[in-house]
Amino acid sequence: MTELTGGSTGPSQTGQDWRGILGLIWGEGWPLPGGPQRIDSLLGDLDLRGKQVLVLGRGSAAIAFYLVERHHAGRVTGLDVDATAVAKAQAKAQALGLDDRLTFLEAGAGVLPFAADQFDIVYDGNGLGLGPTAGGLISESFRVLRSGGTFLASDLLVDEAGEGSADAGLAQHLGANASSESYRGLLRDAGFTDALLANQNDWYVQVARNELASMKGPIYDEAAKAYGKEYIDRAVEIWEAKLAVLERGGAQLTNIRARRP
């Protein structure tokens, strides 16, 4: 499972350009389509006060700050493969006087660099580049969670009924590498229980339309100047393809929650 940002053929090759374009829409450094409301929807009624939270993946800093400042998380650790982003985020936390509640670390491949039973919540912000396989990262998330802890993710999943179809192939190209059933299997195999997978397409399709309109209109010139016309044109192309698949139901943006017993 990766992100709704076009696989390996567009600006997401480096990650930085997509975050820049999304930042023009949602705010500097924001890494996810859908903006902060996507995180709000995923959290639902989950209370983060006093909780130890781990955020995995590129762009984890923006989400980590959001969880502390908006959702009052007790302490958040962000794990990112980008050393420059890690240093910048830690400096920002210190400047804001939040370094007692925010820690940022550079990730390596393989196991997560934490002892078992350390966190109350693990959020997979498309951090699968940190481990060798999707199942491996989910298993690692289980290991570092405390008993009763919660695993969270928001991912693009393929429609099981259409597996093998042209839409499924396009969805996979756009980053949807699993169906909801196979994701449930990964969670179950890792030891998680009470898995809840909620389709968010009714909400996100309209948001994606608005993101596409922003790319074609208000932010186009600024993005072309910052990242190149070829990249913003490619972003528009990918968003149009993604939107078509979402509208037809060939893939679903899905909120995922599971509990460690």
C-alpha atoms as a PDB file:
ATOM      1  CA  MET A   1       0.000   0.000   0.000  1.00  0.00           C
ATOM      2  CA  THR A   2       1.359   3.326  -1.016  1.00  0.00           C
ATOM      3  CA  GLU A   3      -0.341   6.645  -1.597  1.00  0.00           C
ATOM      4  CA  LEU A   4      -2.757   8.180  -4.042  1.00  0.00           C
ATOM      5  CA  THR A   5       0.057   9.914  -5.862  1.00  0.00           C
ATOM      6  CA  GLY A   6       0.734   7.996  -9.005  1.00  0.00           C
ATOM      7  CA  GLY A   7       3.095   5.160  -8.276  1.00  0.00           C
ATOM      8  CA  SER A   8       6.607   5.600  -9.628  1.00  0.00           C
ATOM      9  CA  THR A   9       5.889   7.420 -12.881  1.00  0.00           C
ATOM     10  CA  GLY A  10       5.169  10.985 -11.847  1.00  0.00           C
ATOM     11  CA  PRO A  11       6.393  13.627  -9.419  1.00  0.00           C
ATOM     12  CA  SER A  12       6.168  11.061  -6.614  1.00  0.00           C
ATOM     13  CA  GLN A  13       9.461   9.597  -7.847  1.00  0.00           C
ATOM     14  CA  THR A  14      11.175  11.840  -5.307  1.00  0.00           C
ATOM     15  CA  GLY A  15       8.225  12.524  -3.028  1.00  0.00           C
ATOM     16  CA  GLN A  16       9.345  16.098  -2.465  1.00  0.00           C
ATOM     17  CA  ASP A  17       7.552  17.555  -5.467  1.00  0.00           C
ATOM     18  CA  TRP A  18       4.245  15.960  -4.577  1.00  0.00           C
ATOM     19  CA  ARG A  19       4.492  17.305  -1.047  1.00  0.00           C
ATOM     20  CA  GLY A  20       5.238  20.704  -2.534  1.00  0.00           C
ATOM     21  CA  ILE A  21       2.200  20.617  -4.794  1.00  0.00           C
ATOM     22  CA  LEU A  22      -0.029  19.309  -2.007  1.00  0.00           C
ATOM     23  CA  GLY A  23       1.456  21.946   0.269  1.00  0.00           C
ATOM     24  CA  LEU A  24       0.242  24.653  -2.111  1.00  0.00           C
ATOM     25  CA  ILE A  25      -3.269  23.250  -1.703  1.00  0.00           C
ATOM     26  CA  TRP A  26      -3.329  22.226   1.955  1.00  0.00           C
ATOM     27  CA  GLY A  27      -0.451  24.054   3.621  1.00  0.00           C
ATOM     28  CA  GLU A  28       3.334  23.803   3.652  1.00  0.00           C
ATOM     29  CA  GLY A  29       4.683  20.280   4.017  1.00  0.00           C
ATOM     30  CA  TRP A  30       1.300  18.534   3.999  1.00  0.00           C
ATOM     31  CA  PRO A  31       1.940  15.057   2.534  1.00  0.00           C
ATOM     32  CA  LEU A  32      -1.521  13.585   1.906  1.00  0.00           C
ATOM     33  CA  PRO A  33      -4.282  14.207  -0.603  1.00  0.00           C
ATOM     34  CA  GLY A  34      -7.434  15.098   1.282  1.00  0.00           C
ATOM     35  CA  GLY A  35      -5.714  17.487   3.661  1.00  0.00           C
ATOM     36  CA  PRO A  36      -6.061  17.571   7.453  1.00  0.00           C
ATOM     37  CA  GLN A  37      -9.704  16.504   7.263  1.00  0.00           C
ATOM     38  CA  ARG A  38      -8.460  13.097   6.131  1.00  0.00           C
ATOM     39  CA  ILE A  39      -6.648  12.732   9.458  1.00  0.00           C
ATOM     40  CA  ASP A  40      -9.675  14.016  11.391  1.00  0.00           C
ATOM     41  CA  SER A  41     -11.883  11.440   9.686  1.00  0.00           C
ATOM     42  CA  LEU A  42      -9.442   8.634  10.421  1.00  0.00           C
ATOM     43  CA  LEU A  43      -9.140   9.529  14.096  1.00  0.00           C
ATOM     44  CA  GLY A  44     -12.879   9.876  14.617  1.00  0.00           C
ATOM     45  CA  ASP A  45     -13.556   9.862  18.357  1.00  0.00           C
ATOM     46  CA  LEU A  46     -10.093   8.548  19.279  1.00  0.00           C
ATOM     47  CA  ASP A  47      -8.721  10.631  22.162  1.00  0.00           C
ATOM     48  CA  LEU A  48      -4.972  11.307  21.803  1.00  0.00           C
ATOM     49  CA  ARG A  49      -4.498  13.194  25.063  1.00  0.00           C
ATOM     50  CA  GLY A  50      -1.678  11.592  27.032  1.00  0.00           C
ATOM     51  CA  LYS A  51      -1.048   9.046  24.277  1.00  0.00           C
ATOM     52  CA  GLN A  52       2.300   8.032  22.803  1.00  0.00           C
ATOM     53  CA  VAL A  53       1.906   8.137  19.004  1.00  0.00           C
ATOM     54  CA  LEU A  54       4.195   6.901  16.219  1.00  0.00           C
ATOM     55  CA  VAL A  55       3.788   8.369  12.711  1.00  0.00           C
ATOM     56  CA  LEU A  56       5.462   6.487   9.866  1.00  0.00           C
ATOM     57  CA  GLY A  57       6.356   7.708   6.400  1.00  0.00           C
ATOM     58  CA  ARG A  58       7.476  10.565   4.209  1.00  0.00           C
ATOM     59  CA  GLY A  59       6.037  13.856   5.332  1.00  0.00           C
ATOM     60  CA  SER A  60       5.397  12.562   8.838  1.00  0.00           C
ATOM     61  CA  ALA A  61       6.381  15.923  10.341  1.00  0.00           C
ATOM     62  CA  ALA A  62       3.316  17.834   9.164  1.00  0.00           C
ATOM     63  CA  ILE A  63       1.019  15.131  10.528  1.00  0.00           C
ATOM     64  CA  ALA A  64       2.963  14.896  13.803  1.00  0.00           C
ATOM     65  CA  PHE A  65       2.651  18.649  14.407  1.00  0.00           C
ATOM     66  CA  TYR A  66      -1.048  18.465  13.546  1.00  0.00           C
ATOM     67  CA  LEU A  67      -1.650  15.655  16.041  1.00  0.00           C
ATOM     68  CA  VAL A  68       0.014  17.634  18.835  1.00  0.00           C
ATOM     69  CA  GLU A  69      -1.369  21.075  18.039  1.00  0.00           C
ATOM     70  CA  ARG A  70      -4.900  20.154  16.933  1.00  0.00           C
ATOM     71  CA  HIS A  71      -5.569  16.801  18.599  1.00  0.00           C
ATOM     72  CA  HIS A  72      -3.468  17.346  21.758  1.00  0.00           C
ATOM     73  CA  ALA A  73      -1.495  14.104  21.506  1.00  0.00           C
ATOM     74  CA  GLY A  74       0.709  13.482  24.524  1.00  0.00           C
ATOM     75  CA  ARG A  75       3.886  12.778  22.585  1.00  0.00           C
ATOM     76  CA  VAL A  76       4.438  12.048  18.888  1.00  0.00           C
ATOM     77  CA  THR A  77       7.447  10.426  17.229  1.00  0.00           C
ATOM     78  CA  GLY A  78       7.793  10.907  13.486  1.00  0.00           C
ATOM     79  CA  LEU A  79       9.840   8.426  11.463  1.00  0.00           C
ATOM     80  CA  ASP A  80      10.913   9.564   7.985  1.00  0.00           C
ATOM     81  CA  VAL A  81      13.453   8.347   5.430  1.00  0.00           C
ATOM     82  CA  ASP A  82      14.416  11.952   4.555  1.00  0.00           C
ATOM     83  CA  ALA A  83      17.252  13.100   6.820  1.00  0.00           C
ATOM     84  CA  THR A  84      16.865  16.743   5.782  1.00  0.00           C
ATOM     85  CA  ALA A  85      13.152  16.700   6.606  1.00  0.00           C
ATOM     86  CA  VAL A  86      13.897  15.105   9.980  1.00  0.00           C
ATOM     87  CA  ALA A  87      16.425  17.798  10.912  1.00  0.00           C
ATOM     88  CA  LYS A  88      14.120  20.590   9.757  1.00  0.00           C
ATOM     89  CA  ALA A  89      11.180  19.186  11.733  1.00  0.00           C
ATOM     90  CA  GLN A  90      13.218  18.789  14.919  1.00  0.00           C
ATOM     91  CA  ALA A  91      14.484  22.362  14.618  1.00  0.00           C
ATOM     92  CA  LYS A  92      10.919  23.603  14.166  1.00  0.00           C
ATOM     93  CA  ALA A  93       9.769  21.681  17.244  1.00  0.00           C
ATOM     94  CA  GLN A  94      12.531  23.260  19.299  1.00  0.00           C
ATOM     95  CA  ALA A  95      11.741  26.738  17.978  1.00  0.00           C
ATOM     96  CA  LEU A  96       8.078  26.311  18.948  1.00  0.00           C
ATOM     97  CA  GLY A  97       8.924  24.901  22.369  1.00  0.00           C
ATOM     98  CA  LEU A  98       7.378  21.539  21.464  1.00  0.00           C
ATOM     99  CA  ASP A  99      10.496  19.385  21.542  1.00  0.00           C
ATOM    100  CA  ASP A 100       9.279  17.752  24.771  1.00  0.00           C
ATOM    101  CA  ARG A 101       6.278  16.409  22.828  1.00  0.00           C
ATOM    102  CA  LEU A 102       7.689  15.917  19.316  1.00  0.00           C
ATOM    103  CA  THR A 103      10.639  13.769  18.257  1.00  0.00           C
ATOM    104  CA  PHE A 104      11.746  13.084  14.690  1.00  0.00           C
ATOM    105  CA  LEU A 105      14.013  10.240  13.641  1.00  0.00           C
ATOM    106  CA  GLU A 106      15.517   9.082  10.372  1.00  0.00           C
ATOM    107  CA  ALA A 107      14.316   5.637   9.370  1.00  0.00           C
ATOM    108  CA  GLY A 108      16.357   2.778   8.027  1.00  0.00           C
ATOM    109  CA  ALA A 109      15.176  -0.316   6.214  1.00  0.00           C
ATOM    110  CA  GLY A 110      13.855  -3.317   8.111  1.00  0.00           C
ATOM    111  CA  VAL A 111      12.629  -3.339  11.701  1.00  0.00           C
ATOM    112  CA  LEU A 112      11.373  -0.207  13.419  1.00  0.00           C
ATOM    113  CA  PRO A 113      14.051   1.239  15.739  1.00  0.00           C
ATOM    114  CA  PHE A 114      12.025   0.849  18.923  1.00  0.00           C
ATOM    115  CA  ALA A 115      11.629  -1.703  21.686  1.00  0.00           C
ATOM    116  CA  ALA A 116       8.360  -3.594  21.981  1.00  0.00           C
ATOM    117  CA  ASP A 117       5.299  -2.152  23.701  1.00  0.00           C
ATOM    118  CA  GLN A 118       6.231   1.527  23.394  1.00  0.00           C
ATOM    119  CA  PHE A 119       3.288   3.225  21.687  1.00  0.00           C
ATOM    120  CA  ASP A 120      -0.436   3.607  22.181  1.00  0.00           C
ATOM    121  CA  ILE A 121      -1.092   4.434  18.517  1.00  0.00           C
ATOM    122  CA  VAL A 122       0.795   3.739  15.300  1.00  0.00           C
ATOM    123  CA  TYR A 123      -0.280   5.662  12.214  1.00  0.00           C
ATOM    124  CA  ASP A 124       1.002   4.303   8.907  1.00  0.00           C
ATOM    125  CA  GLY A 125       1.299   7.441   6.818  1.00  0.00           C
ATOM    126  CA  ASN A 126       2.339   5.423   3.779  1.00  0.00           C
ATOM    127  CA  GLY A 127       5.532   4.415   5.513  1.00  0.00           C
ATOM    128  CA  LEU A 128       5.934   1.061   3.787  1.00  0.00           C
ATOM    129  CA  GLY A 129       9.202   2.233   2.295  1.00  0.00           C
ATOM    130  CA  LEU A 130      10.569   1.801   5.809  1.00  0.00           C
ATOM    131  CA  GLY A 131      10.239  -1.972   5.706  1.00  0.00           C
ATOM    132  CA  PRO A 132      10.633  -4.784   3.185  1.00  0.00           C
ATOM    133  CA  THR A 133       6.933  -5.660   2.834  1.00  0.00           C
ATOM    134  CA  ALA A 134       3.494  -4.404   3.768  1.00  0.00           C
ATOM    135  CA  GLY A 135       3.015  -7.367   6.077  1.00  0.00           C
ATOM    136  CA  GLY A 136       6.419  -6.738   7.617  1.00  0.00           C
ATOM    137  CA  LEU A 137       5.581  -3.163   8.553  1.00  0.00           C
ATOM    138  CA  ILE A 138       2.181  -4.114   9.925  1.00  0.00           C
ATOM    139  CA  SER A 139       3.850  -6.823  12.024  1.00  0.00           C
ATOM    140  CA  GLU A 140       6.412  -4.306  13.239  1.00  0.00           C
ATOM    141  CA  SER A 141       3.608  -1.914  14.137  1.00  0.00           C
ATOM    142  CA  PHE A 142       2.011  -4.689  16.192  1.00  0.00           C
ATOM    143  CA  ARG A 143       5.311  -5.300  17.983  1.00  0.00           C
ATOM    144  CA  VAL A 144       5.862  -1.689  19.065  1.00  0.00           C
ATOM    145  CA  LEU A 145       2.240  -1.143  20.131  1.00  0.00           C
ATOM    146  CA  ARG A 146       1.191  -1.716  23.723  1.00  0.00           C
ATOM    147  CA  SER A 147      -1.631  -4.106  24.524  1.00  0.00           C
ATOM    148  CA  GLY A 148      -4.875  -2.339  23.667  1.00  0.00           C
ATOM    149  CA  GLY A 149      -3.050  -0.047  21.250  1.00  0.00           C
ATOM    150  CA  THR A 150      -4.451   1.080  17.917  1.00  0.00           C
ATOM    151  CA  PHE A 151      -3.092   0.761  14.379  1.00  0.00           C
ATOM    152  CA  LEU A 152      -4.319   3.412  11.939  1.00  0.00           C
ATOM    153  CA  ALA A 153      -3.923   3.853   8.200  1.00  0.00           C
ATOM    154  CA  SER A 154      -5.702   5.626   5.354  1.00  0.00           C
ATOM    155  CA  ASP A 155      -5.079   3.904   2.060  1.00  0.00           C
ATOM    156  CA  LEU A 156      -6.281   3.419  -1.491  1.00  0.00           C
ATOM    157  CA  LEU A 157      -7.576  -0.146  -1.849  1.00  0.00           C
ATOM    158  CA  VAL A 158      -8.650  -2.053  -4.944  1.00  0.00           C
ATOM    159  CA  ASP A 159     -12.275  -3.149  -5.325  1.00  0.00           C
ATOM    160  CA  GLU A 160     -12.325  -6.931  -4.820  1.00  0.00           C
ATOM    161  CA  ALA A 161     -15.185  -7.430  -7.276  1.00  0.00           C
ATOM    162  CA  GLY A 162     -13.177  -5.802 -10.033  1.00  0.00           C
ATOM    163  CA  GLU A 163      -9.801  -7.445  -9.385  1.00  0.00           C
ATOM    164  CA  GLY A 164      -8.150  -8.190 -12.725  1.00  0.00           C
ATOM    165  CA  SER A 165     -10.166  -5.518 -14.528  1.00  0.00           C
ATOM    166  CA  ALA A 166      -8.744  -2.526 -16.385  1.00  0.00           C
ATOM    167  CA  ASP A 167      -9.835  -0.292 -13.504  1.00  0.00           C
ATOM    168  CA  ALA A 168      -8.016  -2.528 -11.016  1.00  0.00           C
ATOM    169  CA  GLY A 169      -4.857  -2.338 -13.113  1.00  0.00           C
ATOM    170  CA  LEU A 170      -5.067   1.444 -13.258  1.00  0.00           C
ATOM    171  CA  ALA A 171      -5.798   1.618  -9.534  1.00  0.00           C
ATOM    172  CA  GLN A 172      -2.688  -0.441  -8.842  1.00  0.00           C
ATOM    173  CA  HIS A 173      -0.666   1.910 -11.031  1.00  0.00           C
ATOM    174  CA  LEU A 174      -2.014   4.757  -8.897  1.00  0.00           C
ATOM    175  CA  GLY A 175      -0.830   3.041  -5.723  1.00  0.00           C
ATOM    176  CA  ALA A 176      -3.653   0.679  -4.724  1.00  0.00           C
ATOM    177  CA  ASN A 177      -1.735  -2.543  -4.161  1.00  0.00           C
ATOM    178  CA  ALA A 178      -4.213  -4.461  -1.999  1.00  0.00           C
ATOM    179  CA  SER A 179      -7.901  -5.171  -1.647  1.00  0.00           C
ATOM    180  CA  SER A 180      -9.726  -4.663   1.627  1.00  0.00           C
ATOM    181  CA  GLU A 181      -9.828  -8.425   2.119  1.00  0.00           C
ATOM    182  CA  SER A 182      -6.082  -8.852   1.629  1.00  0.00           C
ATOM    183  CA  TYR A 183      -5.422  -5.929   3.983  1.00  0.00           C
ATOM    184  CA  ARG A 184      -7.638  -7.591   6.590  1.00  0.00           C
ATOM    185  CA  GLY A 185      -5.542 -10.719   6.109  1.00  0.00           C
ATOM    186  CA  LEU A 186      -2.313  -8.807   6.767  1.00  0.00           C
ATOM    187  CA  LEU A 187      -3.769  -7.354   9.954  1.00  0.00           C
ATOM    188  CA  ARG A 188      -5.040 -10.749  11.093  1.00  0.00           C
ATOM    189  CA  ASP A 189      -1.724 -12.451  10.340  1.00  0.00           C
ATOM    190  CA  ALA A 190       0.122  -9.830  12.396  1.00  0.00           C
ATOM    191  CA  GLY A 191      -2.146 -10.511  15.370  1.00  0.00           C
ATOM    192  CA  PHE A 192      -4.506  -7.535  15.215  1.00  0.00           C
ATOM    193  CA  THR A 193      -8.189  -7.849  16.076  1.00  0.00           C
ATOM    194  CA  ASP A 194     -11.318  -5.712  15.661  1.00  0.00           C
ATOM    195  CA  ALA A 195     -10.283  -4.495  12.218  1.00  0.00           C
ATOM    196  CA  LEU A 196     -12.520  -1.778  10.787  1.00  0.00           C
ATOM    197  CA  LEU A 197     -12.192  -0.690   7.143  1.00  0.00           C
ATOM    198  CA  ALA A 198     -14.413   2.231   6.128  1.00  0.00           C
ATOM    199  CA  ASN A 199     -14.849   3.390   2.528  1.00  0.00           C
ATOM    200  CA  GLN A 200     -14.321   7.174   2.294  1.00  0.00           C
ATOM    201  CA  ASN A 201     -15.096   7.657  -1.404  1.00  0.00           C
ATOM    202  CA  ASP A 202     -18.352   9.535  -0.800  1.00  0.00           C
ATOM    203  CA  TRP A 203     -16.285  12.228   0.897  1.00  0.00           C
ATOM    204  CA  TYR A 204     -13.012  12.037  -0.995  1.00  0.00           C
ATOM    205  CA  VAL A 205     -14.330  12.087  -4.574  1.00  0.00           C
ATOM    206  CA  GLN A 206     -15.519  15.663  -4.126  1.00  0.00           C
ATOM    207  CA  VAL A 207     -12.290  16.620  -2.359  1.00  0.00           C
ATOM    208  CA  ALA A 208     -10.272  15.122  -5.231  1.00  0.00           C
ATOM    209  CA  ARG A 209     -12.323  17.176  -7.689  1.00  0.00           C
ATOM    210  CA  ASN A 210     -11.454  20.302  -5.716  1.00  0.00           C
ATOM    211  CA  GLU A 211      -7.757  19.338  -5.608  1.00  0.00           C
ATOM    212  CA  LEU A 212      -7.782  18.840  -9.373  1.00  0.00           C
ATOM    213  CA  ALA A 213      -9.475  22.199  -9.894  1.00  0.00           C
ATOM    214  CA  SER A 214      -6.784  23.846  -7.749  1.00  0.00           C
ATOM    215  CA  MET A 215      -4.029  22.231  -9.811  1.00  0.00           C
ATOM    216  CA  LYS A 216      -5.592  23.408 -13.053  1.00  0.00           C
ATOM    217  CA  GLY A 217      -6.336  26.884 -11.734  1.00  0.00           C
ATOM    218  CA  PRO A 218      -5.195  28.727  -8.591  1.00  0.00           C
ATOM    219  CA  ILE A 219      -1.877  26.942  -7.959  1.00  0.00           C
ATOM    220  CA  TYR A 220      -0.896  26.008 -11.526  1.00  0.00           C
ATOM    221  CA  ASP A 221       1.473  28.894 -12.244  1.00  0.00           C
ATOM    222  CA  GLU A 222       3.093  28.766  -8.797  1.00  0.00           C
ATOM    223  CA  ALA A 223       3.600  24.997  -9.021  1.00  0.00           C
ATOM    224  CA  ALA A 224       4.972  25.234 -12.564  1.00  0.00           C
ATOM    225  CA  LYS A 225       7.465  27.863 -11.439  1.00  0.00           C
ATOM    226  CA  ALA A 226       8.543  25.880  -8.377  1.00  0.00           C
ATOM    227  CA  TYR A 227       8.558  22.325  -9.781  1.00  0.00           C
ATOM    228  CA  GLY A 228       8.354  22.637 -13.555  1.00  0.00           C
ATOM    229  CA  LYS A 229       5.459  22.673 -15.994  1.00  0.00           C
ATOM    230  CA  GLU A 230       6.007  18.999 -16.851  1.00  0.00           C
ATOM    231  CA  TYR A 231       5.506  17.976 -13.225  1.00  0.00           C
ATOM    232  CA  ILE A 232       2.297  19.946 -12.624  1.00  0.00           C
ATOM    233  CA  ASP A 233       0.912  18.729 -15.957  1.00  0.00           C
ATOM    234  CA  ARG A 234       1.729  15.171 -14.894  1.00  0.00           C
ATOM    235  CA  ALA A 235       0.039  15.795 -11.535  1.00  0.00           C
ATOM    236  CA  VAL A 236      -3.108  16.933 -13.337  1.00  0.00           C
ATOM    237  CA  GLU A 237      -2.995  13.843 -15.567  1.00  0.00           C
ATOM    238  CA  ILE A 238      -2.645  11.497 -12.590  1.00  0.00           C
ATOM    239  CA  TRP A 239      -5.379  13.208 -10.576  1.00  0.00           C
ATOM    240  CA  GLU A 240      -7.751  12.957 -13.551  1.00  0.00           C
ATOM    241  CA  ALA A 241      -7.043   9.223 -13.862  1.00  0.00           C
ATOM    242  CA  LYS A 242      -7.368   8.696 -10.112  1.00  0.00           C
ATOM    243  CA  LEU A 243     -10.636  10.599  -9.964  1.00  0.00           C
ATOM    244  CA  ALA A 244     -12.118   8.540 -12.794  1.00  0.00           C
ATOM    245  CA  VAL A 245     -11.259   5.277 -10.998  1.00  0.00           C
ATOM    246  CA  LEU A 246     -12.661   6.542  -7.696  1.00  0.00           C
ATOM    247  CA  GLU A 247     -15.875   7.736  -9.342  1.00  0.00           C
ATOM    248  CA  ARG A 248     -16.395   4.317 -10.948  1.00  0.00           C
ATOM    249  CA  GLY A 249     -15.647   2.548  -7.664  1.00  0.00           C
ATOM    250  CA  GLY A 250     -12.620   0.686  -9.011  1.00  0.00           C
ATOM    251  CA  ALA A 251     -10.716   1.758  -5.909  1.00  0.00           C
ATOM    252  CA  GLN A 252     -11.689   3.195  -2.548  1.00  0.00           C
ATOM    253  CA  LEU A 253      -9.931   5.529  -0.185  1.00  0.00           C
ATOM    254  CA  THR A 254     -10.281   3.520   3.007  1.00  0.00           C
ATOM    255  CA  ASN A 255      -9.846   4.361   6.669  1.00  0.00           C
ATOM    256  CA  ILE A 256      -8.279   1.430   8.509  1.00  0.00           C
ATOM    257  CA  ARG A 257      -8.269   0.797  12.236  1.00  0.00           C
ATOM    258  CA  ALA A 258      -7.272  -2.297  14.202  1.00  0.00           C
ATOM    259  CA  ARG A 259      -6.470  -3.131  17.836  1.00  0.00           C
ATOM    260  CA  ARG A 260      -3.597  -5.010  19.418  1.00  0.00           C
ATOM    261  CA  PRO A 261      -5.113  -7.386  22.006  1.00  0.00           C
END
